[in-house]
């Protein structure tokens, strides 16, 4: 079960270590509820009764700790193709 102490210490330390272990990689953090709802999270604030999630889609979500199923932390990779470049020759 998640609680304020987990998000205040253990989680932050594990996320920082995971990022360092992967060359200071940028991370993606998703909080998943018991009902399967996924929150792509920018920031997590721990309070006594739950968490406040600031999401990528500009939402502020409150989740009681009892509603959090798991947290998915992964490396954020840029899979975009190289940008189009116009030809510099006259051909």
C-alpha atoms as a PDB file:
ATOM      1  CA  UNK A   1       0.000   0.000   0.000  1.00  0.00           C
ATOM      2  CA  UNK A   2       1.215   3.472  -0.862  1.00  0.00           C
ATOM      3  CA  UNK A   3       1.433   6.233   1.734  1.00  0.00           C
ATOM      4  CA  UNK A   4       2.876   9.711   2.243  1.00  0.00           C
ATOM      5  CA  UNK A   5       6.273   8.379   3.358  1.00  0.00           C
ATOM      6  CA  UNK A   6       6.615   6.264   0.204  1.00  0.00           C
ATOM      7  CA  UNK A   7       6.077   9.250  -2.103  1.00  0.00           C
ATOM      8  CA  UNK A   8       8.114  11.589   0.070  1.00  0.00           C
ATOM      9  CA  UNK A   9      11.278   9.498   0.298  1.00  0.00           C
ATOM     10  CA  UNK A  10      11.481   6.022  -1.178  1.00  0.00           C
ATOM     11  CA  UNK A  11       9.824   6.844  -4.491  1.00  0.00           C
ATOM     12  CA  UNK A  12      11.852  10.007  -5.115  1.00  0.00           C
ATOM     13  CA  UNK A  13      15.112   8.214  -4.322  1.00  0.00           C
ATOM     14  CA  UNK A  14      14.289   5.264  -6.603  1.00  0.00           C
ATOM     15  CA  UNK A  15      13.289   7.535  -9.486  1.00  0.00           C
ATOM     16  CA  UNK A  16      16.495   9.580  -9.163  1.00  0.00           C
ATOM     17  CA  UNK A  17      18.603   6.405  -9.055  1.00  0.00           C
ATOM     18  CA  UNK A  18      16.795   4.974 -12.096  1.00  0.00           C
ATOM     19  CA  UNK A  19      17.484   8.183 -14.042  1.00  0.00           C
ATOM     20  CA  UNK A  20      21.181   8.233 -12.999  1.00  0.00           C
ATOM     21  CA  UNK A  21      21.584   4.541 -13.887  1.00  0.00           C
ATOM     22  CA  UNK A  22      20.394   5.369 -17.405  1.00  0.00           C
ATOM     23  CA  UNK A  23      22.651   8.351 -18.069  1.00  0.00           C
ATOM     24  CA  UNK A  24      20.408  11.030 -16.523  1.00  0.00           C
ATOM     25  CA  UNK A  25      17.602   9.975 -18.868  1.00  0.00           C
ATOM     26  CA  UNK A  26      14.324  11.831 -18.898  1.00  0.00           C
ATOM     27  CA  UNK A  27      11.598   9.710 -17.371  1.00  0.00           C
ATOM     28  CA  UNK A  28       7.912   9.097 -17.913  1.00  0.00           C
ATOM     29  CA  UNK A  29       5.845   8.401 -14.798  1.00  0.00           C
ATOM     30  CA  UNK A  30       2.323   7.013 -15.015  1.00  0.00           C
ATOM     31  CA  UNK A  31       0.151   6.446 -11.964  1.00  0.00           C
ATOM     32  CA  UNK A  32      -2.389   3.692 -12.584  1.00  0.00           C
ATOM     33  CA  UNK A  33      -5.590   3.376 -10.561  1.00  0.00           C
ATOM     34  CA  UNK A  34      -7.356   0.191  -9.486  1.00  0.00           C
ATOM     35  CA  UNK A  35      -9.863   0.770 -12.313  1.00  0.00           C
ATOM     36  CA  UNK A  36      -7.031   0.939 -14.892  1.00  0.00           C
ATOM     37  CA  UNK A  37      -7.053   4.689 -15.466  1.00  0.00           C
ATOM     38  CA  UNK A  38      -3.562   5.926 -16.365  1.00  0.00           C
ATOM     39  CA  UNK A  39      -2.316   9.384 -15.394  1.00  0.00           C
ATOM     40  CA  UNK A  40       0.749  10.596 -17.310  1.00  0.00           C
ATOM     41  CA  UNK A  41       2.287  12.611 -14.496  1.00  0.00           C
ATOM     42  CA  UNK A  42       4.564  15.649 -14.473  1.00  0.00           C
ATOM     43  CA  UNK A  43       4.700  16.047 -10.700  1.00  0.00           C
ATOM     44  CA  UNK A  44       3.460  14.194  -7.616  1.00  0.00           C
ATOM     45  CA  UNK A  45       2.697  15.922  -4.313  1.00  0.00           C
ATOM     46  CA  UNK A  46       2.142  13.672  -1.295  1.00  0.00           C
ATOM     47  CA  UNK A  47      -0.358  14.729   1.353  1.00  0.00           C
ATOM     48  CA  UNK A  48      -1.781  12.859   4.351  1.00  0.00           C
ATOM     49  CA  UNK A  49      -4.759  11.280   2.577  1.00  0.00           C
ATOM     50  CA  UNK A  50      -3.497  10.841  -0.973  1.00  0.00           C
ATOM     51  CA  UNK A  51      -1.565  12.337  -3.852  1.00  0.00           C
ATOM     52  CA  UNK A  52      -1.998  15.357  -6.049  1.00  0.00           C
ATOM     53  CA  UNK A  53      -0.961  14.586  -9.593  1.00  0.00           C
ATOM     54  CA  UNK A  54      -0.097  17.304 -12.086  1.00  0.00           C
ATOM     55  CA  UNK A  55      -0.581  15.718 -15.510  1.00  0.00           C
ATOM     56  CA  UNK A  56       0.720  16.320 -19.031  1.00  0.00           C
ATOM     57  CA  UNK A  57      -2.784  17.224 -20.190  1.00  0.00           C
ATOM     58  CA  UNK A  58      -2.973  20.157 -17.741  1.00  0.00           C
ATOM     59  CA  UNK A  59      -5.060  18.480 -15.063  1.00  0.00           C
ATOM     60  CA  UNK A  60      -4.743  18.404 -11.313  1.00  0.00           C
ATOM     61  CA  UNK A  61      -5.924  15.023 -10.019  1.00  0.00           C
ATOM     62  CA  UNK A  62      -6.336  13.925  -6.413  1.00  0.00           C
ATOM     63  CA  UNK A  63      -5.991  10.187  -5.771  1.00  0.00           C
ATOM     64  CA  UNK A  64      -6.431   8.539  -2.374  1.00  0.00           C
ATOM     65  CA  UNK A  65      -3.551   6.156  -1.714  1.00  0.00           C
ATOM     66  CA  UNK A  66      -5.995   3.230  -1.587  1.00  0.00           C
ATOM     67  CA  UNK A  67      -6.946   3.844  -5.261  1.00  0.00           C
ATOM     68  CA  UNK A  68      -3.402   3.570  -6.647  1.00  0.00           C
ATOM     69  CA  UNK A  69      -2.729   0.153  -8.173  1.00  0.00           C
ATOM     70  CA  UNK A  70       0.842   0.759  -9.350  1.00  0.00           C
ATOM     71  CA  UNK A  71       3.278   3.313 -10.728  1.00  0.00           C
ATOM     72  CA  UNK A  72       4.943   2.807 -14.101  1.00  0.00           C
ATOM     73  CA  UNK A  73       8.316   4.538 -14.529  1.00  0.00           C
ATOM     74  CA  UNK A  74      10.024   4.313 -17.906  1.00  0.00           C
ATOM     75  CA  UNK A  75      12.645   6.113 -19.953  1.00  0.00           C
ATOM     76  CA  UNK A  76      11.205   8.745 -22.267  1.00  0.00           C
ATOM     77  CA  UNK A  77      12.729   8.248 -25.691  1.00  0.00           C
ATOM     78  CA  UNK A  78      12.375  10.570 -28.658  1.00  0.00           C
ATOM     79  CA  UNK A  79      11.282   8.445 -31.629  1.00  0.00           C
ATOM     80  CA  UNK A  80      10.693  11.301 -34.045  1.00  0.00           C
ATOM     81  CA  UNK A  81      12.279  11.052 -37.459  1.00  0.00           C
ATOM     82  CA  UNK A  82      14.815  13.588 -38.560  1.00  0.00           C
ATOM     83  CA  UNK A  83      13.272  16.811 -39.842  1.00  0.00           C
ATOM     84  CA  UNK A  84      12.824  17.411 -43.567  1.00  0.00           C
ATOM     85  CA  UNK A  85      15.673  19.383 -45.153  1.00  0.00           C
ATOM     86  CA  UNK A  86      15.291  21.102 -48.496  1.00  0.00           C
ATOM     87  CA  UNK A  87      17.952  20.433 -51.078  1.00  0.00           C
ATOM     88  CA  UNK A  88      20.727  23.034 -51.216  1.00  0.00           C
ATOM     89  CA  UNK A  89      21.810  22.186 -54.763  1.00  0.00           C
ATOM     90  CA  UNK A  90      20.131  23.414 -57.934  1.00  0.00           C
ATOM     91  CA  UNK A  91      19.434  19.879 -59.209  1.00  0.00           C
END
